[in-house]
Amino acid sequence: MKTFTDFIKATYDNDDIQAIATHGCASYAPNGMIYYNETNYLYDQYAEDLHDIIDTYVVDVGETPKCITASIGSSVLFRNAVVWFCAEVVCQNLQYDQQEEVA
């Protein structure tokens, strides 16, 4: 899969995407993103794309997400925070796009 968004679309169904978008990964950790070894693997696979998602967020919002800055100092926690944050953003965007298609 080329992008992290492609990974999300191919791996999770609409119910999972909605749960991630609504509750976040800390409350609804989906299969494949529960353990640090899983999120660190995803970070390694999609690092460039993940950082592009964060860069877009920073431009749109004007600040780096606190969940990410709070995890600086631990590579494992940082990578986990990046993957979870980006999963939430991607799922929220997919939900928004789906609502726009219906409207």
PDB file of N, CA and C in Angstrom:
ATOM      1  N   MET A   1       0.834  -1.175   0.000  1.00  0.00           N
ATOM      2  CA  MET A   1       0.000   0.000   0.000  1.00  0.00           C
ATOM      3  C   MET A   1       0.883   1.243   0.000  1.00  0.00           C
ATOM      4  N   LYS A   2       0.495   2.195  -0.796  1.00  0.00           N
ATOM      5  CA  LYS A   2       1.326   3.367  -0.985  1.00  0.00           C
ATOM      6  C   LYS A   2       1.249   4.354   0.167  1.00  0.00           C
ATOM      7  N   THR A   3       0.071   4.612   0.674  1.00  0.00           N
ATOM      8  CA  THR A   3      -0.075   5.639   1.703  1.00  0.00           C
ATOM      9  C   THR A   3      -0.699   5.061   2.968  1.00  0.00           C
ATOM     10  N   PHE A   4      -0.570   5.826   4.025  1.00  0.00           N
ATOM     11  CA  PHE A   4      -1.200   5.434   5.277  1.00  0.00           C
ATOM     12  C   PHE A   4      -2.726   5.421   5.131  1.00  0.00           C
ATOM     13  N   THR A   5      -3.249   6.343   4.360  1.00  0.00           N
ATOM     14  CA  THR A   5      -4.699   6.359   4.101  1.00  0.00           C
ATOM     15  C   THR A   5      -5.120   5.082   3.385  1.00  0.00           C
ATOM     16  N   ASP A   6      -4.332   4.632   2.414  1.00  0.00           N
ATOM     17  CA  ASP A   6      -4.623   3.372   1.720  1.00  0.00           C
ATOM     18  C   ASP A   6      -4.635   2.213   2.716  1.00  0.00           C
ATOM     19  N   PHE A   7      -3.677   2.213   3.638  1.00  0.00           N
ATOM     20  CA  PHE A   7      -3.629   1.177   4.673  1.00  0.00           C
ATOM     21  C   PHE A   7      -4.909   1.189   5.502  1.00  0.00           C
ATOM     22  N   ILE A   8      -5.326   2.359   5.942  1.00  0.00           N
ATOM     23  CA  ILE A   8      -6.547   2.470   6.763  1.00  0.00           C
ATOM     24  C   ILE A   8      -7.747   1.953   5.989  1.00  0.00           C
ATOM     25  N   LYS A   9      -7.911   2.402   4.747  1.00  0.00           N
ATOM     26  CA  LYS A   9      -9.048   1.977   3.926  1.00  0.00           C
ATOM     27  C   LYS A   9      -9.068   0.468   3.702  1.00  0.00           C
ATOM     28  N   ALA A  10      -7.899  -0.128   3.483  1.00  0.00           N
ATOM     29  CA  ALA A  10      -7.811  -1.563   3.185  1.00  0.00           C
ATOM     30  C   ALA A  10      -7.946  -2.426   4.429  1.00  0.00           C
ATOM     31  N   THR A  11      -7.649  -1.872   5.588  1.00  0.00           N
ATOM     32  CA  THR A  11      -7.576  -2.677   6.807  1.00  0.00           C
ATOM     33  C   THR A  11      -8.832  -2.604   7.659  1.00  0.00           C
ATOM     34  N   TYR A  12      -9.489  -1.468   7.659  1.00  0.00           N
ATOM     35  CA  TYR A  12     -10.599  -1.259   8.592  1.00  0.00           C
ATOM     36  C   TYR A  12     -11.904  -1.020   7.849  1.00  0.00           C
ATOM     37  N   ASP A  13     -12.997  -1.541   8.436  1.00  0.00           N
ATOM     38  CA  ASP A  13     -14.310  -1.330   7.846  1.00  0.00           C
ATOM     39  C   ASP A  13     -14.879   0.008   8.339  1.00  0.00           C
ATOM     40  N   ASN A  14     -16.045   0.356   7.831  1.00  0.00           N
ATOM     41  CA  ASN A  14     -16.653   1.649   8.180  1.00  0.00           C
ATOM     42  C   ASN A  14     -16.906   1.799   9.677  1.00  0.00           C
ATOM     43  N   ASP A  15     -17.285   0.715  10.355  1.00  0.00           N
ATOM     44  CA  ASP A  15     -17.518   0.794  11.798  1.00  0.00           C
ATOM     45  C   ASP A  15     -16.230   1.115  12.550  1.00  0.00           C
ATOM     46  N   ASP A  16     -15.128   0.478  12.158  1.00  0.00           N
ATOM     47  CA  ASP A  16     -13.830   0.769  12.776  1.00  0.00           C
ATOM     48  C   ASP A  16     -13.410   2.203  12.504  1.00  0.00           C
ATOM     49  N   ILE A  17     -13.572   2.636  11.266  1.00  0.00           N
ATOM     50  CA  ILE A  17     -13.191   4.000  10.892  1.00  0.00           C
ATOM     51  C   ILE A  17     -13.997   5.011  11.688  1.00  0.00           C
ATOM     52  N   GLN A  18     -15.281   4.759  11.833  1.00  0.00           N
ATOM     53  CA  GLN A  18     -16.125   5.665  12.621  1.00  0.00           C
ATOM     54  C   GLN A  18     -15.695   5.675  14.087  1.00  0.00           C
ATOM     55  N   ALA A  19     -15.392   4.512  14.641  1.00  0.00           N
ATOM     56  CA  ALA A  19     -14.969   4.430  16.049  1.00  0.00           C
ATOM     57  C   ALA A  19     -13.647   5.152  16.273  1.00  0.00           C
ATOM     58  N   ILE A  20     -12.707   4.980  15.352  1.00  0.00           N
ATOM     59  CA  ILE A  20     -11.419   5.670  15.468  1.00  0.00           C
ATOM     60  C   ILE A  20     -11.630   7.181  15.357  1.00  0.00           C
ATOM     61  N   ALA A  21     -12.443   7.602  14.390  1.00  0.00           N
ATOM     62  CA  ALA A  21     -12.700   9.029  14.187  1.00  0.00           C
ATOM     63  C   ALA A  21     -13.392   9.655  15.391  1.00  0.00           C
ATOM     64  N   THR A  22     -14.290   8.925  16.004  1.00  0.00           N
ATOM     65  CA  THR A  22     -15.087   9.465  17.101  1.00  0.00           C
ATOM     66  C   THR A  22     -14.389   9.366  18.445  1.00  0.00           C
ATOM     67  N   HIS A  23     -13.795   8.212  18.720  1.00  0.00           N
ATOM     68  CA  HIS A  23     -13.255   7.948  20.065  1.00  0.00           C
ATOM     69  C   HIS A  23     -11.737   8.042  20.158  1.00  0.00           C
ATOM     70  N   GLY A  24     -11.055   7.979  19.019  1.00  0.00           N
ATOM     71  CA  GLY A  24      -9.600   7.996  19.023  1.00  0.00           C
ATOM     72  C   GLY A  24      -9.025   6.626  19.311  1.00  0.00           C
ATOM     73  N   CYS A  25      -7.759   6.463  19.014  1.00  0.00           N
ATOM     74  CA  CYS A  25      -7.098   5.166  19.161  1.00  0.00           C
ATOM     75  C   CYS A  25      -6.851   4.794  20.627  1.00  0.00           C
ATOM     76  N   ALA A  26      -6.706   5.770  21.498  1.00  0.00           N
ATOM     77  CA  ALA A  26      -6.473   5.457  22.911  1.00  0.00           C
ATOM     78  C   ALA A  26      -7.706   4.805  23.530  1.00  0.00           C
ATOM     79  N   SER A  27      -8.886   5.199  23.061  1.00  0.00           N
ATOM     80  CA  SER A  27     -10.125   4.606  23.578  1.00  0.00           C
ATOM     81  C   SER A  27     -10.574   3.414  22.749  1.00  0.00           C
ATOM     82  N   TYR A  28     -10.272   3.448  21.470  1.00  0.00           N
ATOM     83  CA  TYR A  28     -10.658   2.366  20.566  1.00  0.00           C
ATOM     84  C   TYR A  28      -9.442   1.969  19.736  1.00  0.00           C
ATOM     85  N   ALA A  29      -8.554   1.244  20.337  1.00  0.00           N
ATOM     86  CA  ALA A  29      -7.360   0.801  19.611  1.00  0.00           C
ATOM     87  C   ALA A  29      -7.757  -0.362  18.699  1.00  0.00           C
ATOM     88  N   PRO A  30      -7.706  -0.126  17.399  1.00  0.00           N
ATOM     89  CA  PRO A  30      -8.104  -1.173  16.463  1.00  0.00           C
ATOM     90  C   PRO A  30      -7.029  -2.236  16.300  1.00  0.00           C
ATOM     91  N   ASN A  31      -7.452  -3.426  15.901  1.00  0.00           N
ATOM     92  CA  ASN A  31      -6.483  -4.490  15.616  1.00  0.00           C
ATOM     93  C   ASN A  31      -5.435  -3.964  14.653  1.00  0.00           C
ATOM     94  N   GLY A  32      -4.188  -4.297  14.959  1.00  0.00           N
ATOM     95  CA  GLY A  32      -3.085  -3.851  14.124  1.00  0.00           C
ATOM     96  C   GLY A  32      -2.456  -2.557  14.599  1.00  0.00           C
ATOM     97  N   MET A  33      -3.096  -1.907  15.586  1.00  0.00           N
ATOM     98  CA  MET A  33      -2.557  -0.677  16.150  1.00  0.00           C
ATOM     99  C   MET A  33      -2.678  -0.681  17.675  1.00  0.00           C
ATOM    100  N   ILE A  34      -2.625  -1.864  18.269  1.00  0.00           N
ATOM    101  CA  ILE A  34      -2.772  -1.982  19.717  1.00  0.00           C
ATOM    102  C   ILE A  34      -1.420  -1.939  20.409  1.00  0.00           C
ATOM    103  N   TYR A  35      -0.490  -2.708  19.917  1.00  0.00           N
ATOM    104  CA  TYR A  35       0.804  -2.873  20.595  1.00  0.00           C
ATOM    105  C   TYR A  35       1.861  -1.971  19.975  1.00  0.00           C
ATOM    106  N   TYR A  36       2.838  -1.597  20.790  1.00  0.00           N
ATOM    107  CA  TYR A  36       3.912  -0.729  20.313  1.00  0.00           C
ATOM    108  C   TYR A  36       4.638  -1.322  19.111  1.00  0.00           C
ATOM    109  N   ASN A  37       4.840  -2.626  19.100  1.00  0.00           N
ATOM    110  CA  ASN A  37       5.541  -3.209  17.947  1.00  0.00           C
ATOM    111  C   ASN A  37       4.718  -3.028  16.666  1.00  0.00           C
ATOM    112  N   GLU A  38       3.396  -3.011  16.786  1.00  0.00           N
ATOM    113  CA  GLU A  38       2.546  -2.794  15.613  1.00  0.00           C
ATOM    114  C   GLU A  38       2.611  -1.341  15.136  1.00  0.00           C
ATOM    115  N   THR A  39       2.485  -0.408  16.083  1.00  0.00           N
ATOM    116  CA  THR A  39       2.502   0.997  15.682  1.00  0.00           C
ATOM    117  C   THR A  39       3.891   1.421  15.220  1.00  0.00           C
ATOM    118  N   ASN A  40       4.932   0.861  15.827  1.00  0.00           N
ATOM    119  CA  ASN A  40       6.284   1.186  15.390  1.00  0.00           C
ATOM    120  C   ASN A  40       6.549   0.639  13.987  1.00  0.00           C
ATOM    121  N   TYR A  41       6.020  -0.533  13.688  1.00  0.00           N
ATOM    122  CA  TYR A  41       6.130  -1.092  12.338  1.00  0.00           C
ATOM    123  C   TYR A  41       5.433  -0.176  11.330  1.00  0.00           C
ATOM    124  N   LEU A  42       4.218   0.269  11.661  1.00  0.00           N
ATOM    125  CA  LEU A  42       3.487   1.165  10.764  1.00  0.00           C
ATOM    126  C   LEU A  42       4.234   2.482  10.573  1.00  0.00           C
ATOM    127  N   TYR A  43       4.812   2.982  11.652  1.00  0.00           N
ATOM    128  CA  TYR A  43       5.605   4.206  11.541  1.00  0.00           C
ATOM    129  C   TYR A  43       6.751   3.997  10.550  1.00  0.00           C
ATOM    130  N   ASP A  44       7.448   2.891  10.682  1.00  0.00           N
ATOM    131  CA  ASP A  44       8.562   2.608   9.770  1.00  0.00           C
ATOM    132  C   ASP A  44       8.094   2.506   8.318  1.00  0.00           C
ATOM    133  N   GLN A  45       6.918   1.931   8.099  1.00  0.00           N
ATOM    134  CA  GLN A  45       6.396   1.750   6.746  1.00  0.00           C
ATOM    135  C   GLN A  45       5.919   3.065   6.116  1.00  0.00           C
ATOM    136  N   TYR A  46       5.351   3.948   6.933  1.00  0.00           N
ATOM    137  CA  TYR A  46       4.664   5.125   6.402  1.00  0.00           C
ATOM    138  C   TYR A  46       5.180   6.452   6.971  1.00  0.00           C
ATOM    139  N   ALA A  47       6.400   6.488   7.474  1.00  0.00           N
ATOM    140  CA  ALA A  47       6.921   7.677   8.172  1.00  0.00           C
ATOM    141  C   ALA A  47       6.758   8.958   7.359  1.00  0.00           C
ATOM    142  N   GLU A  48       7.134   8.930   6.100  1.00  0.00           N
ATOM    143  CA  GLU A  48       7.046  10.149   5.286  1.00  0.00           C
ATOM    144  C   GLU A  48       5.604  10.618   5.166  1.00  0.00           C
ATOM    145  N   ASP A  49       4.709   9.714   4.892  1.00  0.00           N
ATOM    146  CA  ASP A  49       3.294  10.053   4.768  1.00  0.00           C
ATOM    147  C   ASP A  49       2.732  10.544   6.107  1.00  0.00           C
ATOM    148  N   LEU A  50       3.106   9.893   7.193  1.00  0.00           N
ATOM    149  CA  LEU A  50       2.632  10.299   8.516  1.00  0.00           C
ATOM    150  C   LEU A  50       3.074  11.723   8.834  1.00  0.00           C
ATOM    151  N   HIS A  51       4.308  12.039   8.522  1.00  0.00           N
ATOM    152  CA  HIS A  51       4.802  13.396   8.791  1.00  0.00           C
ATOM    153  C   HIS A  51       4.148  14.428   7.867  1.00  0.00           C
ATOM    154  N   ASP A  52       3.775  14.018   6.668  1.00  0.00           N
ATOM    155  CA  ASP A  52       3.013  14.913   5.790  1.00  0.00           C
ATOM    156  C   ASP A  52       1.643  15.220   6.391  1.00  0.00           C
ATOM    157  N   ILE A  53       1.010  14.218   6.981  1.00  0.00           N
ATOM    158  CA  ILE A  53      -0.292  14.415   7.635  1.00  0.00           C
ATOM    159  C   ILE A  53      -0.142  15.394   8.794  1.00  0.00           C
ATOM    160  N   ILE A  54       0.896  15.215   9.578  1.00  0.00           N
ATOM    161  CA  ILE A  54       1.134  16.116  10.711  1.00  0.00           C
ATOM    162  C   ILE A  54       1.452  17.522  10.216  1.00  0.00           C
ATOM    163  N   ASP A  55       2.275  17.643   9.183  1.00  0.00           N
ATOM    164  CA  ASP A  55       2.605  18.959   8.633  1.00  0.00           C
ATOM    165  C   ASP A  55       1.350  19.692   8.169  1.00  0.00           C
ATOM    166  N   THR A  56       0.454  18.993   7.506  1.00  0.00           N
ATOM    167  CA  THR A  56      -0.806  19.594   7.059  1.00  0.00           C
ATOM    168  C   THR A  56      -1.620  20.054   8.260  1.00  0.00           C
ATOM    169  N   TYR A  57      -1.672  19.229   9.290  1.00  0.00           N
ATOM    170  CA  TYR A  57      -2.395  19.600  10.513  1.00  0.00           C
ATOM    171  C   TYR A  57      -1.794  20.869  11.126  1.00  0.00           C
ATOM    172  N   VAL A  58      -0.479  20.929  11.207  1.00  0.00           N
ATOM    173  CA  VAL A  58       0.194  22.094  11.804  1.00  0.00           C
ATOM    174  C   VAL A  58      -0.120  23.352  10.995  1.00  0.00           C
ATOM    175  N   VAL A  59      -0.116  23.255   9.683  1.00  0.00           N
ATOM    176  CA  VAL A  59      -0.457  24.403   8.841  1.00  0.00           C
ATOM    177  C   VAL A  59      -1.901  24.827   9.082  1.00  0.00           C
ATOM    178  N   ASP A  60      -2.815  23.857   9.148  1.00  0.00           N
ATOM    179  CA  ASP A  60      -4.240  24.154   9.323  1.00  0.00           C
ATOM    180  C   ASP A  60      -4.570  24.693  10.712  1.00  0.00           C
ATOM    181  N   VAL A  61      -3.952  24.132  11.741  1.00  0.00           N
ATOM    182  CA  VAL A  61      -4.307  24.451  13.127  1.00  0.00           C
ATOM    183  C   VAL A  61      -3.342  25.452  13.761  1.00  0.00           C
ATOM    184  N   GLY A  62      -2.110  25.419  13.327  1.00  0.00           N
ATOM    185  CA  GLY A  62      -1.137  26.360  13.845  1.00  0.00           C
ATOM    186  C   GLY A  62      -0.289  25.858  14.994  1.00  0.00           C
ATOM    187  N   GLU A  63      -0.408  24.591  15.307  1.00  0.00           N
ATOM    188  CA  GLU A  63       0.435  24.020  16.366  1.00  0.00           C
ATOM    189  C   GLU A  63       0.579  22.522  16.178  1.00  0.00           C
ATOM    190  N   THR A  64       1.669  21.998  16.724  1.00  0.00           N
ATOM    191  CA  THR A  64       1.891  20.552  16.702  1.00  0.00           C
ATOM    192  C   THR A  64       1.002  19.919  17.767  1.00  0.00           C
ATOM    193  N   PRO A  65       0.381  18.790  17.453  1.00  0.00           N
ATOM    194  CA  PRO A  65      -0.494  18.141  18.435  1.00  0.00           C
ATOM    195  C   PRO A  65       0.260  17.845  19.736  1.00  0.00           C
ATOM    196  N   LYS A  66      -0.384  18.146  20.846  1.00  0.00           N
ATOM    197  CA  LYS A  66       0.235  17.949  22.165  1.00  0.00           C
ATOM    198  C   LYS A  66       0.555  16.487  22.454  1.00  0.00           C
ATOM    199  N   CYS A  67      -0.262  15.582  21.933  1.00  0.00           N
ATOM    200  CA  CYS A  67       0.006  14.158  22.160  1.00  0.00           C
ATOM    201  C   CYS A  67       1.341  13.743  21.563  1.00  0.00           C
ATOM    202  N   ILE A  68       1.754  14.422  20.514  1.00  0.00           N
ATOM    203  CA  ILE A  68       3.030  14.111  19.869  1.00  0.00           C
ATOM    204  C   ILE A  68       4.178  14.793  20.598  1.00  0.00           C
ATOM    205  N   THR A  69       4.021  16.072  20.900  1.00  0.00           N
ATOM    206  CA  THR A  69       5.108  16.771  21.594  1.00  0.00           C
ATOM    207  C   THR A  69       5.338  16.192  22.981  1.00  0.00           C
ATOM    208  N   ALA A  70       4.295  15.682  23.616  1.00  0.00           N
ATOM    209  CA  ALA A  70       4.433  15.100  24.959  1.00  0.00           C
ATOM    210  C   ALA A  70       5.219  13.799  24.937  1.00  0.00           C
ATOM    211  N   SER A  71       5.301  13.167  23.776  1.00  0.00           N
ATOM    212  CA  SER A  71       5.978  11.869  23.698  1.00  0.00           C
ATOM    213  C   SER A  71       7.420  11.979  23.201  1.00  0.00           C
ATOM    214  N   ILE A  72       7.866  13.198  22.908  1.00  0.00           N
ATOM    215  CA  ILE A  72       9.259  13.381  22.488  1.00  0.00           C
ATOM    216  C   ILE A  72      10.152  12.981  23.656  1.00  0.00           C
ATOM    217  N   GLY A  73      11.166  12.227  23.373  1.00  0.00           N
ATOM    218  CA  GLY A  73      12.069  11.724  24.404  1.00  0.00           C
ATOM    219  C   GLY A  73      12.066  10.209  24.460  1.00  0.00           C
ATOM    220  N   SER A  74      11.012   9.612  23.908  1.00  0.00           N
ATOM    221  CA  SER A  74      10.929   8.157  23.819  1.00  0.00           C
ATOM    222  C   SER A  74      10.556   7.793  22.393  1.00  0.00           C
ATOM    223  N   SER A  75      11.451   7.158  21.694  1.00  0.00           N
ATOM    224  CA  SER A  75      11.204   6.784  20.308  1.00  0.00           C
ATOM    225  C   SER A  75       9.949   5.926  20.165  1.00  0.00           C
ATOM    226  N   VAL A  76       9.795   4.977  21.055  1.00  0.00           N
ATOM    227  CA  VAL A  76       8.642   4.064  20.988  1.00  0.00           C
ATOM    228  C   VAL A  76       7.341   4.831  21.191  1.00  0.00           C
ATOM    229  N   LEU A  77       7.284   5.676  22.202  1.00  0.00           N
ATOM    230  CA  LEU A  77       6.064   6.434  22.482  1.00  0.00           C
ATOM    231  C   LEU A  77       5.794   7.477  21.403  1.00  0.00           C
ATOM    232  N   PHE A  78       6.851   8.106  20.899  1.00  0.00           N
ATOM    233  CA  PHE A  78       6.696   9.087  19.829  1.00  0.00           C
ATOM    234  C   PHE A  78       6.080   8.442  18.594  1.00  0.00           C
ATOM    235  N   ARG A  79       6.631   7.326  18.180  1.00  0.00           N
ATOM    236  CA  ARG A  79       6.125   6.633  16.993  1.00  0.00           C
ATOM    237  C   ARG A  79       4.671   6.206  17.192  1.00  0.00           C
ATOM    238  N   ASN A  80       4.360   5.712  18.371  1.00  0.00           N
ATOM    239  CA  ASN A  80       2.993   5.313  18.682  1.00  0.00           C
ATOM    240  C   ASN A  80       2.057   6.518  18.585  1.00  0.00           C
ATOM    241  N   ALA A  81       2.458   7.626  19.177  1.00  0.00           N
ATOM    242  CA  ALA A  81       1.628   8.837  19.164  1.00  0.00           C
ATOM    243  C   ALA A  81       1.400   9.335  17.743  1.00  0.00           C
ATOM    244  N   VAL A  82       2.434   9.301  16.924  1.00  0.00           N
ATOM    245  CA  VAL A  82       2.310   9.749  15.531  1.00  0.00           C
ATOM    246  C   VAL A  82       1.315   8.866  14.775  1.00  0.00           C
ATOM    247  N   VAL A  83       1.457   7.566  14.909  1.00  0.00           N
ATOM    248  CA  VAL A  83       0.560   6.642  14.192  1.00  0.00           C
ATOM    249  C   VAL A  83      -0.877   6.813  14.671  1.00  0.00           C
ATOM    250  N   TRP A  84      -1.077   6.849  15.969  1.00  0.00           N
ATOM    251  CA  TRP A  84      -2.446   7.003  16.486  1.00  0.00           C
ATOM    252  C   TRP A  84      -3.052   8.335  16.065  1.00  0.00           C
ATOM    253  N   PHE A  85      -2.294   9.421  16.197  1.00  0.00           N
ATOM    254  CA  PHE A  85      -2.815  10.722  15.809  1.00  0.00           C
ATOM    255  C   PHE A  85      -3.190  10.732  14.329  1.00  0.00           C
ATOM    256  N   CYS A  86      -2.311  10.231  13.492  1.00  0.00           N
ATOM    257  CA  CYS A  86      -2.577  10.223  12.056  1.00  0.00           C
ATOM    258  C   CYS A  86      -3.756   9.321  11.704  1.00  0.00           C
ATOM    259  N   ALA A  87      -3.896   8.209  12.385  1.00  0.00           N
ATOM    260  CA  ALA A  87      -5.055   7.330  12.157  1.00  0.00           C
ATOM    261  C   ALA A  87      -6.343   8.077  12.466  1.00  0.00           C
ATOM    262  N   GLU A  88      -6.345   8.831  13.535  1.00  0.00           N
ATOM    263  CA  GLU A  88      -7.533   9.602  13.901  1.00  0.00           C
ATOM    264  C   GLU A  88      -7.842  10.659  12.851  1.00  0.00           C
ATOM    265  N   VAL A  89      -6.820  11.370  12.383  1.00  0.00           N
ATOM    266  CA  VAL A  89      -7.006  12.398  11.354  1.00  0.00           C
ATOM    267  C   VAL A  89      -7.515  11.777  10.062  1.00  0.00           C
ATOM    268  N   VAL A  90      -6.887  10.699   9.638  1.00  0.00           N
ATOM    269  CA  VAL A  90      -7.307  10.034   8.399  1.00  0.00           C
ATOM    270  C   VAL A  90      -8.759   9.560   8.512  1.00  0.00           C
ATOM    271  N   CYS A  91      -9.106   8.945   9.621  1.00  0.00           N
ATOM    272  CA  CYS A  91     -10.477   8.446   9.792  1.00  0.00           C
ATOM    273  C   CYS A  91     -11.483   9.588   9.848  1.00  0.00           C
ATOM    274  N   GLN A  92     -11.133  10.687  10.483  1.00  0.00           N
ATOM    275  CA  GLN A  92     -12.021  11.851  10.498  1.00  0.00           C
ATOM    276  C   GLN A  92     -12.204  12.401   9.087  1.00  0.00           C
ATOM    277  N   ASN A  93     -11.127  12.453   8.328  1.00  0.00           N
ATOM    278  CA  ASN A  93     -11.224  12.924   6.940  1.00  0.00           C
ATOM    279  C   ASN A  93     -12.063  11.984   6.080  1.00  0.00           C
ATOM    280  N   LEU A  94     -11.898  10.678   6.273  1.00  0.00           N
ATOM    281  CA  LEU A  94     -12.710   9.713   5.526  1.00  0.00           C
ATOM    282  C   LEU A  94     -14.186   9.849   5.878  1.00  0.00           C
ATOM    283  N   GLN A  95     -14.482  10.052   7.136  1.00  0.00           N
ATOM    284  CA  GLN A  95     -15.865  10.267   7.573  1.00  0.00           C
ATOM    285  C   GLN A  95     -16.438  11.532   6.941  1.00  0.00           C
ATOM    286  N   TYR A  96     -15.650  12.601   6.949  1.00  0.00           N
ATOM    287  CA  TYR A  96     -16.084  13.868   6.359  1.00  0.00           C
ATOM    288  C   TYR A  96     -16.345  13.687   4.862  1.00  0.00           C
ATOM    289  N   ASP A  97     -15.420  13.032   4.166  1.00  0.00           N
ATOM    290  CA  ASP A  97     -15.580  12.802   2.730  1.00  0.00           C
ATOM    291  C   ASP A  97     -16.835  11.994   2.435  1.00  0.00           C
ATOM    292  N   GLN A  98     -17.104  11.000   3.273  1.00  0.00           N
ATOM    293  CA  GLN A  98     -18.289  10.161   3.077  1.00  0.00           C
ATOM    294  C   GLN A  98     -19.562  10.990   3.279  1.00  0.00           C
ATOM    295  N   GLN A  99     -19.565  11.864   4.270  1.00  0.00           N
ATOM    296  CA  GLN A  99     -20.725  12.720   4.516  1.00  0.00           C
ATOM    297  C   GLN A  99     -20.944  13.701   3.364  1.00  0.00           C
ATOM    298  N   GLU A 100     -19.845  14.209   2.792  1.00  0.00           N
ATOM    299  CA  GLU A 100     -19.939  15.122   1.660  1.00  0.00           C
ATOM    300  C   GLU A 100     -20.525  14.427   0.438  1.00  0.00           C
ATOM    301  N   GLU A 101     -20.198  13.154   0.247  1.00  0.00           N
ATOM    302  CA  GLU A 101     -20.718  12.405  -0.885  1.00  0.00           C
ATOM    303  C   GLU A 101     -22.225  12.218  -0.767  1.00  0.00           C
ATOM    304  N   VAL A 102     -22.705  12.038   0.448  1.00  0.00           N
ATOM    305  CA  VAL A 102     -24.132  11.821   0.693  1.00  0.00           C
ATOM    306  C   VAL A 102     -24.908  13.115   0.517  1.00  0.00           C
ATOM    307  N   ALA A 103     -24.319  14.222   0.893  1.00  0.00           N
ATOM    308  CA  ALA A 103     -25.010  15.530   0.855  1.00  0.00           C
ATOM    309  C   ALA A 103     -25.217  16.057  -0.533  1.00  0.00           C
TER     310      ALA A 103
END
